[in-house]
Amino acid sequence: MSSRGSRQSGTPAIKDDQIIELVSKLRQLVPEIRDRRSNKVPASKVLQETCNYIRNLHTEVDDLSERLSQLLSTIDADSPEAAIIRSLITQ
């Protein structure tokens, strides 16, 4: 049995080299980590920063959606601008 706990039936085990590869890729992608000496940042910190980054992106998307909705309510519903905004919101 793996030290990572029991796995569900039919679910393949995650191998250590897969985790190392994932952390390495995250170090390159997340700006807060990429701008530091990424090889000195522990994997747990990389994962925490990645979660924070994703939460921040989610908040930004929600804020932009709200701003687009407000903008849409102030313009003519049949205008080309309104069609563009609607397409952005529904994607």
PDB file of N, CA and C in Angstrom:
ATOM      1  N   MET A   1       0.840  -1.172   0.000  1.00  0.00           N
ATOM      2  CA  MET A   1       0.000   0.000   0.000  1.00  0.00           C
ATOM      3  C   MET A   1       0.889   1.240   0.000  1.00  0.00           C
ATOM      4  N   SER A   2       0.465   2.277  -0.686  1.00  0.00           N
ATOM      5  CA  SER A   2       1.218   3.519  -0.807  1.00  0.00           C
ATOM      6  C   SER A   2       1.152   4.319   0.490  1.00  0.00           C
ATOM      7  N   SER A   3       2.191   5.114   0.733  1.00  0.00           N
ATOM      8  CA  SER A   3       2.191   5.973   1.911  1.00  0.00           C
ATOM      9  C   SER A   3       1.221   7.132   1.736  1.00  0.00           C
ATOM     10  N   ARG A   4       0.667   7.309   0.545  1.00  0.00           N
ATOM     11  CA  ARG A   4      -0.274   8.389   0.271  1.00  0.00           C
ATOM     12  C   ARG A   4      -1.706   7.976   0.620  1.00  0.00           C
ATOM     13  N   GLY A   5      -1.888   6.845   1.234  1.00  0.00           N
ATOM     14  CA  GLY A   5      -3.212   6.395   1.647  1.00  0.00           C
ATOM     15  C   GLY A   5      -3.764   5.374   0.680  1.00  0.00           C
ATOM     16  N   SER A   6      -4.903   4.834   1.022  1.00  0.00           N
ATOM     17  CA  SER A   6      -5.497   3.829   0.156  1.00  0.00           C
ATOM     18  C   SER A   6      -6.109   4.516  -1.052  1.00  0.00           C
ATOM     19  N   ARG A   7      -6.161   3.784  -2.153  1.00  0.00           N
ATOM     20  CA  ARG A   7      -6.750   4.346  -3.361  1.00  0.00           C
ATOM     21  C   ARG A   7      -8.039   3.612  -3.662  1.00  0.00           C
ATOM     22  N   GLN A   8      -8.900   4.300  -4.386  1.00  0.00           N
ATOM     23  CA  GLN A   8     -10.181   3.701  -4.730  1.00  0.00           C
ATOM     24  C   GLN A   8      -9.987   2.675  -5.827  1.00  0.00           C
ATOM     25  N   SER A   9     -10.865   1.720  -5.838  1.00  0.00           N
ATOM     26  CA  SER A   9     -10.810   0.674  -6.848  1.00  0.00           C
ATOM     27  C   SER A   9     -10.957   1.283  -8.234  1.00  0.00           C
ATOM     28  N   GLY A  10     -10.077   0.898  -9.139  1.00  0.00           N
ATOM     29  CA  GLY A  10     -10.144   1.398 -10.505  1.00  0.00           C
ATOM     30  C   GLY A  10      -9.426   2.711 -10.727  1.00  0.00           C
ATOM     31  N   THR A  11      -8.952   3.360  -9.664  1.00  0.00           N
ATOM     32  CA  THR A  11      -8.241   4.623  -9.787  1.00  0.00           C
ATOM     33  C   THR A  11      -6.750   4.344  -9.800  1.00  0.00           C
ATOM     34  N   PRO A  12      -6.052   4.760 -10.864  1.00  0.00           N
ATOM     35  CA  PRO A  12      -4.608   4.496 -10.907  1.00  0.00           C
ATOM     36  C   PRO A  12      -3.865   5.312  -9.851  1.00  0.00           C
ATOM     37  N   ALA A  13      -2.808   4.738  -9.307  1.00  0.00           N
ATOM     38  CA  ALA A  13      -2.014   5.416  -8.291  1.00  0.00           C
ATOM     39  C   ALA A  13      -1.197   6.525  -8.949  1.00  0.00           C
ATOM     40  N   ILE A  14      -1.035   7.610  -8.234  1.00  0.00           N
ATOM     41  CA  ILE A  14      -0.182   8.699  -8.701  1.00  0.00           C
ATOM     42  C   ILE A  14       1.239   8.375  -8.270  1.00  0.00           C
ATOM     43  N   LYS A  15       2.139   8.389  -9.222  1.00  0.00           N
ATOM     44  CA  LYS A  15       3.523   8.043  -8.937  1.00  0.00           C
ATOM     45  C   LYS A  15       4.291   9.282  -8.511  1.00  0.00           C
ATOM     46  N   ASP A  16       5.340   9.053  -7.730  1.00  0.00           N
ATOM     47  CA  ASP A  16       6.151  10.166  -7.242  1.00  0.00           C
ATOM     48  C   ASP A  16       6.718  11.010  -8.377  1.00  0.00           C
ATOM     49  N   ASP A  17       7.126  10.361  -9.466  1.00  0.00           N
ATOM     50  CA  ASP A  17       7.690  11.144 -10.577  1.00  0.00           C
ATOM     51  C   ASP A  17       6.633  12.019 -11.239  1.00  0.00           C
ATOM     52  N   GLN A  18       5.368  11.608 -11.194  1.00  0.00           N
ATOM     53  CA  GLN A  18       4.289  12.429 -11.726  1.00  0.00           C
ATOM     54  C   GLN A  18       4.079  13.665 -10.845  1.00  0.00           C
ATOM     55  N   ILE A  19       4.180  13.483  -9.552  1.00  0.00           N
ATOM     56  CA  ILE A  19       4.037  14.602  -8.620  1.00  0.00           C
ATOM     57  C   ILE A  19       5.188  15.582  -8.813  1.00  0.00           C
ATOM     58  N   ILE A  20       6.390  15.067  -8.947  1.00  0.00           N
ATOM     59  CA  ILE A  20       7.564  15.921  -9.150  1.00  0.00           C
ATOM     60  C   ILE A  20       7.416  16.719 -10.445  1.00  0.00           C
ATOM     61  N   GLU A  21       6.937  16.064 -11.496  1.00  0.00           N
ATOM     62  CA  GLU A  21       6.746  16.742 -12.778  1.00  0.00           C
ATOM     63  C   GLU A  21       5.680  17.832 -12.664  1.00  0.00           C
ATOM     64  N   LEU A  22       4.591  17.542 -11.970  1.00  0.00           N
ATOM     65  CA  LEU A  22       3.528  18.521 -11.782  1.00  0.00           C
ATOM     66  C   LEU A  22       4.046  19.742 -11.026  1.00  0.00           C
ATOM     67  N   VAL A  23       4.739  19.519  -9.931  1.00  0.00           N
ATOM     68  CA  VAL A  23       5.276  20.627  -9.132  1.00  0.00           C
ATOM     69  C   VAL A  23       6.258  21.449  -9.959  1.00  0.00           C
ATOM     70  N   SER A  24       7.064  20.782 -10.756  1.00  0.00           N
ATOM     71  CA  SER A  24       8.013  21.486 -11.617  1.00  0.00           C
ATOM     72  C   SER A  24       7.285  22.383 -12.615  1.00  0.00           C
ATOM     73  N   LYS A  25       6.225  21.883 -13.215  1.00  0.00           N
ATOM     74  CA  LYS A  25       5.456  22.674 -14.170  1.00  0.00           C
ATOM     75  C   LYS A  25       4.754  23.838 -13.481  1.00  0.00           C
ATOM     76  N   LEU A  26       4.234  23.601 -12.290  1.00  0.00           N
ATOM     77  CA  LEU A  26       3.574  24.676 -11.550  1.00  0.00           C
ATOM     78  C   LEU A  26       4.566  25.773 -11.191  1.00  0.00           C
ATOM     79  N   ARG A  27       5.782  25.393 -10.848  1.00  0.00           N
ATOM     80  CA  ARG A  27       6.819  26.384 -10.534  1.00  0.00           C
ATOM     81  C   ARG A  27       7.050  27.323 -11.716  1.00  0.00           C
ATOM     82  N   GLN A  28       6.924  26.802 -12.920  1.00  0.00           N
ATOM     83  CA  GLN A  28       7.140  27.609 -14.123  1.00  0.00           C
ATOM     84  C   GLN A  28       5.926  28.459 -14.475  1.00  0.00           C
ATOM     85  N   LEU A  29       4.736  28.010 -14.104  1.00  0.00           N
ATOM     86  CA  LEU A  29       3.507  28.677 -14.532  1.00  0.00           C
ATOM     87  C   LEU A  29       2.992  29.749 -13.584  1.00  0.00           C
ATOM     88  N   VAL A  30       3.135  29.547 -12.287  1.00  0.00           N
ATOM     89  CA  VAL A  30       2.548  30.462 -11.315  1.00  0.00           C
ATOM     90  C   VAL A  30       3.489  31.652 -11.125  1.00  0.00           C
ATOM     91  N   PRO A  31       3.019  32.862 -11.473  1.00  0.00           N
ATOM     92  CA  PRO A  31       3.902  34.037 -11.417  1.00  0.00           C
ATOM     93  C   PRO A  31       4.537  34.272 -10.051  1.00  0.00           C
ATOM     94  N   GLU A  32       3.794  34.067  -8.978  1.00  0.00           N
ATOM     95  CA  GLU A  32       4.322  34.321  -7.641  1.00  0.00           C
ATOM     96  C   GLU A  32       5.517  33.431  -7.313  1.00  0.00           C
ATOM     97  N   ILE A  33       5.564  32.269  -7.922  1.00  0.00           N
ATOM     98  CA  ILE A  33       6.663  31.333  -7.680  1.00  0.00           C
ATOM     99  C   ILE A  33       7.738  31.489  -8.745  1.00  0.00           C
ATOM    100  N   ARG A  34       7.307  31.678  -9.969  1.00  0.00           N
ATOM    101  CA  ARG A  34       8.244  31.805 -11.087  1.00  0.00           C
ATOM    102  C   ARG A  34       9.234  32.949 -10.856  1.00  0.00           C
ATOM    103  N   ASP A  35       8.775  34.023 -10.208  1.00  0.00           N
ATOM    104  CA  ASP A  35       9.612  35.193  -9.991  1.00  0.00           C
ATOM    105  C   ASP A  35      10.614  35.010  -8.846  1.00  0.00           C
ATOM    106  N   ARG A  36      10.505  33.930  -8.120  1.00  0.00           N
ATOM    107  CA  ARG A  36      11.452  33.625  -7.033  1.00  0.00           C
ATOM    108  C   ARG A  36      12.443  32.566  -7.511  1.00  0.00           C
ATOM    109  N   ARG A  37      13.316  32.189  -6.630  1.00  0.00           N
ATOM    110  CA  ARG A  37      14.189  31.038  -6.910  1.00  0.00           C
ATOM    111  C   ARG A  37      13.354  29.788  -6.726  1.00  0.00           C
ATOM    112  N   SER A  38      12.710  29.380  -7.805  1.00  0.00           N
ATOM    113  CA  SER A  38      11.696  28.335  -7.705  1.00  0.00           C
ATOM    114  C   SER A  38      12.236  26.997  -7.213  1.00  0.00           C
ATOM    115  N   ASN A  39      13.505  26.718  -7.445  1.00  0.00           N
ATOM    116  CA  ASN A  39      14.015  25.426  -6.984  1.00  0.00           C
ATOM    117  C   ASN A  39      14.205  25.402  -5.473  1.00  0.00           C
ATOM    118  N   LYS A  40      14.100  26.553  -4.820  1.00  0.00           N
ATOM    119  CA  LYS A  40      14.227  26.622  -3.359  1.00  0.00           C
ATOM    120  C   LYS A  40      12.871  26.598  -2.651  1.00  0.00           C
ATOM    121  N   VAL A  41      11.783  26.704  -3.411  1.00  0.00           N
ATOM    122  CA  VAL A  41      10.446  26.720  -2.827  1.00  0.00           C
ATOM    123  C   VAL A  41       9.969  25.282  -2.653  1.00  0.00           C
ATOM    124  N   PRO A  42       9.585  24.896  -1.420  1.00  0.00           N
ATOM    125  CA  PRO A  42       9.122  23.515  -1.205  1.00  0.00           C
ATOM    126  C   PRO A  42       7.821  23.222  -1.965  1.00  0.00           C
ATOM    127  N   ALA A  43       7.624  21.959  -2.279  1.00  0.00           N
ATOM    128  CA  ALA A  43       6.453  21.537  -3.048  1.00  0.00           C
ATOM    129  C   ALA A  43       5.155  21.962  -2.368  1.00  0.00           C
ATOM    130  N   SER A  44       5.087  21.887  -1.048  1.00  0.00           N
ATOM    131  CA  SER A  44       3.858  22.274  -0.354  1.00  0.00           C
ATOM    132  C   SER A  44       3.548  23.754  -0.575  1.00  0.00           C
ATOM    133  N   LYS A  45       4.581  24.584  -0.605  1.00  0.00           N
ATOM    134  CA  LYS A  45       4.401  26.017  -0.848  1.00  0.00           C
ATOM    135  C   LYS A  45       3.985  26.258  -2.298  1.00  0.00           C
ATOM    136  N   VAL A  46       4.538  25.489  -3.225  1.00  0.00           N
ATOM    137  CA  VAL A  46       4.156  25.596  -4.640  1.00  0.00           C
ATOM    138  C   VAL A  46       2.668  25.286  -4.790  1.00  0.00           C
ATOM    139  N   LEU A  47       2.210  24.221  -4.160  1.00  0.00           N
ATOM    140  CA  LEU A  47       0.802  23.842  -4.251  1.00  0.00           C
ATOM    141  C   LEU A  47      -0.099  24.883  -3.595  1.00  0.00           C
ATOM    142  N   GLN A  48       0.328  25.419  -2.450  1.00  0.00           N
ATOM    143  CA  GLN A  48      -0.458  26.464  -1.773  1.00  0.00           C
ATOM    144  C   GLN A  48      -0.544  27.719  -2.633  1.00  0.00           C
ATOM    145  N   GLU A  49       0.562  28.148  -3.203  1.00  0.00           N
ATOM    146  CA  GLU A  49       0.578  29.329  -4.069  1.00  0.00           C
ATOM    147  C   GLU A  49      -0.266  29.100  -5.322  1.00  0.00           C
ATOM    148  N   THR A  50      -0.247  27.880  -5.841  1.00  0.00           N
ATOM    149  CA  THR A  50      -1.061  27.554  -7.010  1.00  0.00           C
ATOM    150  C   THR A  50      -2.544  27.677  -6.668  1.00  0.00           C
ATOM    151  N   CYS A  51      -2.936  27.150  -5.526  1.00  0.00           N
ATOM    152  CA  CYS A  51      -4.336  27.261  -5.093  1.00  0.00           C
ATOM    153  C   CYS A  51      -4.735  28.724  -4.919  1.00  0.00           C
ATOM    154  N   ASN A  52      -3.867  29.518  -4.300  1.00  0.00           N
ATOM    155  CA  ASN A  52      -4.148  30.947  -4.126  1.00  0.00           C
ATOM    156  C   ASN A  52      -4.291  31.640  -5.478  1.00  0.00           C
ATOM    157  N   TYR A  53      -3.416  31.304  -6.404  1.00  0.00           N
ATOM    158  CA  TYR A  53      -3.445  31.902  -7.733  1.00  0.00           C
ATOM    159  C   TYR A  53      -4.755  31.563  -8.447  1.00  0.00           C
ATOM    160  N   ILE A  54      -5.175  30.323  -8.358  1.00  0.00           N
ATOM    161  CA  ILE A  54      -6.427  29.899  -8.990  1.00  0.00           C
ATOM    162  C   ILE A  54      -7.613  30.612  -8.351  1.00  0.00           C
ATOM    163  N   ARG A  55      -7.603  30.736  -7.018  1.00  0.00           N
ATOM    164  CA  ARG A  55      -8.682  31.470  -6.337  1.00  0.00           C
ATOM    165  C   ARG A  55      -8.734  32.920  -6.806  1.00  0.00           C
ATOM    166  N   ASN A  56      -7.564  33.552  -6.924  1.00  0.00           N
ATOM    167  CA  ASN A  56      -7.509  34.942  -7.383  1.00  0.00           C
ATOM    168  C   ASN A  56      -8.024  35.078  -8.810  1.00  0.00           C
ATOM    169  N   LEU A  57      -7.650  34.146  -9.673  1.00  0.00           N
ATOM    170  CA  LEU A  57      -8.157  34.167 -11.047  1.00  0.00           C
ATOM    171  C   LEU A  57      -9.678  34.016 -11.073  1.00  0.00           C
ATOM    172  N   HIS A  58     -10.184  33.141 -10.236  1.00  0.00           N
ATOM    173  CA  HIS A  58     -11.632  32.920 -10.168  1.00  0.00           C
ATOM    174  C   HIS A  58     -12.338  34.207  -9.732  1.00  0.00           C
ATOM    175  N   THR A  59     -11.786  34.897  -8.748  1.00  0.00           N
ATOM    176  CA  THR A  59     -12.352  36.157  -8.276  1.00  0.00           C
ATOM    177  C   THR A  59     -12.324  37.211  -9.385  1.00  0.00           C
ATOM    178  N   GLU A  60     -11.224  37.289 -10.107  1.00  0.00           N
ATOM    179  CA  GLU A  60     -11.118  38.242 -11.209  1.00  0.00           C
ATOM    180  C   GLU A  60     -12.160  37.963 -12.290  1.00  0.00           C
ATOM    181  N   VAL A  61     -12.369  36.695 -12.606  1.00  0.00           N
ATOM    182  CA  VAL A  61     -13.369  36.329 -13.606  1.00  0.00           C
ATOM    183  C   VAL A  61     -14.759  36.732 -13.121  1.00  0.00           C
ATOM    184  N   ASP A  62     -15.063  36.469 -11.862  1.00  0.00           N
ATOM    185  CA  ASP A  62     -16.367  36.860 -11.310  1.00  0.00           C
ATOM    186  C   ASP A  62     -16.557  38.373 -11.384  1.00  0.00           C
ATOM    187  N   ASP A  63     -15.514  39.126 -11.029  1.00  0.00           N
ATOM    188  CA  ASP A  63     -15.590  40.590 -11.065  1.00  0.00           C
ATOM    189  C   ASP A  63     -15.793  41.102 -12.489  1.00  0.00           C
ATOM    190  N   LEU A  64     -15.060  40.527 -13.431  1.00  0.00           N
ATOM    191  CA  LEU A  64     -15.217  40.941 -14.828  1.00  0.00           C
ATOM    192  C   LEU A  64     -16.607  40.610 -15.354  1.00  0.00           C
ATOM    193  N   SER A  65     -17.121  39.459 -14.983  1.00  0.00           N
ATOM    194  CA  SER A  65     -18.466  39.072 -15.401  1.00  0.00           C
ATOM    195  C   SER A  65     -19.497  40.052 -14.858  1.00  0.00           C
ATOM    196  N   GLU A  66     -19.332  40.440 -13.620  1.00  0.00           N
ATOM    197  CA  GLU A  66     -20.252  41.404 -12.999  1.00  0.00           C
ATOM    198  C   GLU A  66     -20.166  42.759 -13.713  1.00  0.00           C
ATOM    199  N   ARG A  67     -18.956  43.189 -14.017  1.00  0.00           N
ATOM    200  CA  ARG A  67     -18.784  44.467 -14.718  1.00  0.00           C
ATOM    201  C   ARG A  67     -19.398  44.421 -16.111  1.00  0.00           C
ATOM    202  N   LEU A  68     -19.225  43.297 -16.808  1.00  0.00           N
ATOM    203  CA  LEU A  68     -19.836  43.156 -18.131  1.00  0.00           C
ATOM    204  C   LEU A  68     -21.357  43.154 -18.042  1.00  0.00           C
ATOM    205  N   SER A  69     -21.898  42.510 -17.038  1.00  0.00           N
ATOM    206  CA  SER A  69     -23.352  42.499 -16.848  1.00  0.00           C
ATOM    207  C   SER A  69     -23.878  43.905 -16.595  1.00  0.00           C
ATOM    208  N   GLN A  70     -23.157  44.661 -15.775  1.00  0.00           N
ATOM    209  CA  GLN A  70     -23.563  46.047 -15.508  1.00  0.00           C
ATOM    210  C   GLN A  70     -23.496  46.887 -16.773  1.00  0.00           C
ATOM    211  N   LEU A  71     -22.438  46.705 -17.541  1.00  0.00           N
ATOM    212  CA  LEU A  71     -22.292  47.439 -18.794  1.00  0.00           C
ATOM    213  C   LEU A  71     -23.419  47.081 -19.756  1.00  0.00           C
ATOM    214  N   LEU A  72     -23.748  45.821 -19.819  1.00  0.00           N
ATOM    215  CA  LEU A  72     -24.810  45.354 -20.707  1.00  0.00           C
ATOM    216  C   LEU A  72     -26.147  45.994 -20.335  1.00  0.00           C
ATOM    217  N   SER A  73     -26.378  46.206 -19.066  1.00  0.00           N
ATOM    218  CA  SER A  73     -27.649  46.791 -18.638  1.00  0.00           C
ATOM    219  C   SER A  73     -27.750  48.280 -18.969  1.00  0.00           C
ATOM    220  N   THR A  74     -26.633  48.900 -19.345  1.00  0.00           N
ATOM    221  CA  THR A  74     -26.653  50.340 -19.625  1.00  0.00           C
ATOM    222  C   THR A  74     -26.652  50.666 -21.115  1.00  0.00           C
ATOM    223  N   ILE A  75     -26.575  49.652 -21.980  1.00  0.00           N
ATOM    224  CA  ILE A  75     -26.547  49.930 -23.418  1.00  0.00           C
ATOM    225  C   ILE A  75     -27.749  49.295 -24.094  1.00  0.00           C
ATOM    226  N   ASP A  76     -27.989  49.715 -25.328  1.00  0.00           N
ATOM    227  CA  ASP A  76     -29.102  49.192 -26.118  1.00  0.00           C
ATOM    228  C   ASP A  76     -28.929  47.680 -26.324  1.00  0.00           C
ATOM    229  N   ALA A  77     -29.932  46.922 -25.960  1.00  0.00           N
ATOM    230  CA  ALA A  77     -29.857  45.459 -25.998  1.00  0.00           C
ATOM    231  C   ALA A  77     -29.663  44.915 -27.413  1.00  0.00           C
ATOM    232  N   ASP A  78     -30.029  45.679 -28.424  1.00  0.00           N
ATOM    233  CA  ASP A  78     -29.907  45.210 -29.800  1.00  0.00           C
ATOM    234  C   ASP A  78     -28.652  45.715 -30.501  1.00  0.00           C
ATOM    235  N   SER A  79     -27.797  46.414 -29.789  1.00  0.00           N
ATOM    236  CA  SER A  79     -26.593  46.981 -30.408  1.00  0.00           C
ATOM    237  C   SER A  79     -25.520  45.907 -30.614  1.00  0.00           C
ATOM    238  N   PRO A  80     -24.597  46.163 -31.539  1.00  0.00           N
ATOM    239  CA  PRO A  80     -23.485  45.219 -31.739  1.00  0.00           C
ATOM    240  C   PRO A  80     -22.633  45.056 -30.467  1.00  0.00           C
ATOM    241  N   GLU A  81     -22.498  46.142 -29.701  1.00  0.00           N
ATOM    242  CA  GLU A  81     -21.728  46.068 -28.453  1.00  0.00           C
ATOM    243  C   GLU A  81     -22.377  45.101 -27.466  1.00  0.00           C
ATOM    244  N   ALA A  82     -23.697  45.154 -27.395  1.00  0.00           N
ATOM    245  CA  ALA A  82     -24.422  44.254 -26.488  1.00  0.00           C
ATOM    246  C   ALA A  82     -24.244  42.800 -26.909  1.00  0.00           C
ATOM    247  N   ALA A  83     -24.230  42.557 -28.204  1.00  0.00           N
ATOM    248  CA  ALA A  83     -24.031  41.186 -28.698  1.00  0.00           C
ATOM    249  C   ALA A  83     -22.640  40.686 -28.319  1.00  0.00           C
ATOM    250  N   ILE A  84     -21.642  41.544 -28.406  1.00  0.00           N
ATOM    251  CA  ILE A  84     -20.284  41.158 -28.029  1.00  0.00           C
ATOM    252  C   ILE A  84     -20.207  40.836 -26.546  1.00  0.00           C
ATOM    253  N   ILE A  85     -20.803  41.698 -25.725  1.00  0.00           N
ATOM    254  CA  ILE A  85     -20.793  41.477 -24.275  1.00  0.00           C
ATOM    255  C   ILE A  85     -21.516  40.192 -23.914  1.00  0.00           C
ATOM    256  N   ARG A  86     -22.673  39.955 -24.543  1.00  0.00           N
ATOM    257  CA  ARG A  86     -23.409  38.710 -24.276  1.00  0.00           C
ATOM    258  C   ARG A  86     -22.556  37.487 -24.637  1.00  0.00           C
ATOM    259  N   SER A  87     -21.846  37.578 -25.748  1.00  0.00           N
ATOM    260  CA  SER A  87     -21.021  36.435 -26.146  1.00  0.00           C
ATOM    261  C   SER A  87     -19.872  36.209 -25.159  1.00  0.00           C
ATOM    262  N   LEU A  88     -19.347  37.283 -24.573  1.00  0.00           N
ATOM    263  CA  LEU A  88     -18.287  37.135 -23.573  1.00  0.00           C
ATOM    264  C   LEU A  88     -18.801  36.510 -22.290  1.00  0.00           C
ATOM    265  N   ILE A  89     -19.993  36.897 -21.897  1.00  0.00           N
ATOM    266  CA  ILE A  89     -20.577  36.393 -20.651  1.00  0.00           C
ATOM    267  C   ILE A  89     -20.949  34.919 -20.766  1.00  0.00           C
ATOM    268  N   THR A  90     -21.440  34.504 -21.926  1.00  0.00           N
ATOM    269  CA  THR A  90     -21.935  33.138 -22.073  1.00  0.00           C
ATOM    270  C   THR A  90     -20.853  32.130 -22.439  1.00  0.00           C
ATOM    271  N   GLN A  91     -19.635  32.564 -22.625  1.00  0.00           N
ATOM    272  CA  GLN A  91     -18.576  31.611 -22.997  1.00  0.00           C
ATOM    273  C   GLN A  91     -18.057  30.870 -21.816  1.00  0.00           C
TER     274      GLN A  91
END
